[in-house]
Amino acid sequence: MPIRTTRSIVRFSSEFVLSGLDAAQPAGEYEVEQDEELLEASITAYRRVATYIHLPAIAVPSLTRQMVSIDPDELEAAIAKDRA
């Protein structure tokens, strides 16, 4: 099945924690990728199959970067908490 990847930037104004990450992450902008697979149906539809966050934050200088699989619902909850 064909896979498409969508990229977005999320901004946190304070540190945040997501399961699967080693520690709390500092405030900043983070690149997030979502992989979706095409569903076999009479209409065009996609289903999310994976969500990743790139660490460290975009503005943080680093020799290494990593992409970590995360729960998209947990990410949305962390974004909502940060905005509250």
C-alpha atoms as a PDB file:
ATOM      1  CA  MET A   1       0.000   0.000   0.000  1.00  0.00           C
ATOM      2  CA  PRO A   2       1.251   3.472  -0.789  1.00  0.00           C
ATOM      3  CA  ILE A   3       2.473   5.490   2.194  1.00  0.00           C
ATOM      4  CA  ARG A   4       2.468   9.272   2.430  1.00  0.00           C
ATOM      5  CA  THR A   5       4.359  11.331   4.981  1.00  0.00           C
ATOM      6  CA  THR A   6       3.154  14.699   6.220  1.00  0.00           C
ATOM      7  CA  ARG A   7       5.450  17.052   8.119  1.00  0.00           C
ATOM      8  CA  SER A   8       4.519  19.802  10.537  1.00  0.00           C
ATOM      9  CA  ILE A   9       6.146  22.009  13.148  1.00  0.00           C
ATOM     10  CA  VAL A  10       4.819  22.083  16.710  1.00  0.00           C
ATOM     11  CA  ARG A  11       5.814  24.803  19.160  1.00  0.00           C
ATOM     12  CA  PHE A  12       6.022  24.327  22.927  1.00  0.00           C
ATOM     13  CA  SER A  13       6.350  27.372  25.170  1.00  0.00           C
ATOM     14  CA  SER A  14       7.370  25.238  28.157  1.00  0.00           C
ATOM     15  CA  GLU A  15       9.064  21.886  28.638  1.00  0.00           C
ATOM     16  CA  PHE A  16       6.998  18.783  27.920  1.00  0.00           C
ATOM     17  CA  VAL A  17       7.085  15.053  28.523  1.00  0.00           C
ATOM     18  CA  LEU A  18       5.969  12.236  26.227  1.00  0.00           C
ATOM     19  CA  SER A  19       6.251   8.536  26.933  1.00  0.00           C
ATOM     20  CA  GLY A  20       8.972   7.018  24.817  1.00  0.00           C
ATOM     21  CA  LEU A  21      11.286   9.990  25.365  1.00  0.00           C
ATOM     22  CA  ASP A  22      14.183   9.675  27.797  1.00  0.00           C
ATOM     23  CA  ALA A  23      13.507  12.970  29.579  1.00  0.00           C
ATOM     24  CA  ALA A  24      11.459  16.144  29.545  1.00  0.00           C
ATOM     25  CA  GLN A  25      12.110  18.152  26.386  1.00  0.00           C
ATOM     26  CA  PRO A  26      12.767  21.896  26.533  1.00  0.00           C
ATOM     27  CA  ALA A  27      10.496  24.533  25.035  1.00  0.00           C
ATOM     28  CA  GLY A  28      10.992  25.111  21.327  1.00  0.00           C
ATOM     29  CA  GLU A  29       9.851  24.144  17.864  1.00  0.00           C
ATOM     30  CA  TYR A  30       9.873  20.483  16.900  1.00  0.00           C
ATOM     31  CA  GLU A  31       9.405  18.798  13.550  1.00  0.00           C
ATOM     32  CA  VAL A  32       6.745  16.058  13.581  1.00  0.00           C
ATOM     33  CA  GLU A  33       6.157  13.489  10.826  1.00  0.00           C
ATOM     34  CA  GLN A  34       3.077  11.329  10.336  1.00  0.00           C
ATOM     35  CA  ASP A  35       3.048   8.318   8.033  1.00  0.00           C
ATOM     36  CA  GLU A  36      -0.306   7.336   6.568  1.00  0.00           C
ATOM     37  CA  GLU A  37      -1.234   4.406   4.346  1.00  0.00           C
ATOM     38  CA  LEU A  38      -3.778   4.513   1.555  1.00  0.00           C
ATOM     39  CA  LEU A  39      -6.920   2.534   2.347  1.00  0.00           C
ATOM     40  CA  GLU A  40      -8.438   0.333  -0.334  1.00  0.00           C
ATOM     41  CA  ALA A  41     -11.893   1.892  -0.688  1.00  0.00           C
ATOM     42  CA  SER A  42     -14.151   3.512  -3.237  1.00  0.00           C
ATOM     43  CA  ILE A  43     -13.005   6.920  -1.972  1.00  0.00           C
ATOM     44  CA  THR A  44      -9.497   8.164  -1.301  1.00  0.00           C
ATOM     45  CA  ALA A  45      -8.758   7.783   2.389  1.00  0.00           C
ATOM     46  CA  TYR A  46      -5.649   7.419   4.513  1.00  0.00           C
ATOM     47  CA  ARG A  47      -5.053   5.891   7.939  1.00  0.00           C
ATOM     48  CA  ARG A  48      -2.269   7.122  10.238  1.00  0.00           C
ATOM     49  CA  VAL A  49       0.203   4.334  10.909  1.00  0.00           C
ATOM     50  CA  ALA A  50       3.048   6.172  12.669  1.00  0.00           C
ATOM     51  CA  THR A  51       3.950   9.515  14.239  1.00  0.00           C
ATOM     52  CA  TYR A  52       7.510  10.693  14.913  1.00  0.00           C
ATOM     53  CA  ILE A  53       9.102  13.690  16.605  1.00  0.00           C
ATOM     54  CA  HIS A  54      12.578  14.936  15.704  1.00  0.00           C
ATOM     55  CA  LEU A  55      14.902  15.680  18.630  1.00  0.00           C
ATOM     56  CA  PRO A  56      16.360  18.016  19.683  1.00  0.00           C
ATOM     57  CA  ALA A  57      14.275  21.113  18.944  1.00  0.00           C
ATOM     58  CA  ILE A  58      14.916  22.775  15.580  1.00  0.00           C
ATOM     59  CA  ALA A  59      16.853  25.752  16.986  1.00  0.00           C
ATOM     60  CA  VAL A  60      19.113  23.636  19.216  1.00  0.00           C
ATOM     61  CA  PRO A  61      22.547  23.129  17.658  1.00  0.00           C
ATOM     62  CA  SER A  62      23.465  19.465  17.755  1.00  0.00           C
ATOM     63  CA  LEU A  63      25.805  17.113  15.949  1.00  0.00           C
ATOM     64  CA  THR A  64      23.237  14.343  16.179  1.00  0.00           C
ATOM     65  CA  ARG A  65      19.510  14.237  15.702  1.00  0.00           C
ATOM     66  CA  GLN A  66      17.065  11.439  16.303  1.00  0.00           C
ATOM     67  CA  MET A  67      13.555  10.614  15.209  1.00  0.00           C
ATOM     68  CA  VAL A  68      11.430   9.021  17.955  1.00  0.00           C
ATOM     69  CA  SER A  69       8.106   7.227  17.520  1.00  0.00           C
ATOM     70  CA  ILE A  70       5.375   8.818  19.667  1.00  0.00           C
ATOM     71  CA  ASP A  71       1.665   8.428  20.385  1.00  0.00           C
ATOM     72  CA  PRO A  72      -0.187  11.093  18.343  1.00  0.00           C
ATOM     73  CA  ASP A  73      -2.963  11.413  20.944  1.00  0.00           C
ATOM     74  CA  GLU A  74      -0.376  12.021  23.658  1.00  0.00           C
ATOM     75  CA  LEU A  75       1.272  14.677  21.473  1.00  0.00           C
ATOM     76  CA  GLU A  76      -2.072  16.442  20.978  1.00  0.00           C
ATOM     77  CA  ALA A  77      -2.697  16.347  24.743  1.00  0.00           C
ATOM     78  CA  ALA A  78       0.767  17.828  25.415  1.00  0.00           C
ATOM     79  CA  ILE A  79       0.126  20.615  22.882  1.00  0.00           C
ATOM     80  CA  ALA A  80      -3.265  21.389  24.461  1.00  0.00           C
ATOM     81  CA  LYS A  81      -1.714  21.436  27.947  1.00  0.00           C
ATOM     82  CA  ASP A  82       1.033  23.784  26.762  1.00  0.00           C
ATOM     83  CA  ARG A  83      -1.519  26.193  25.285  1.00  0.00           C
ATOM     84  CA  ALA A  84      -3.682  26.230  28.426  1.00  0.00           C
END
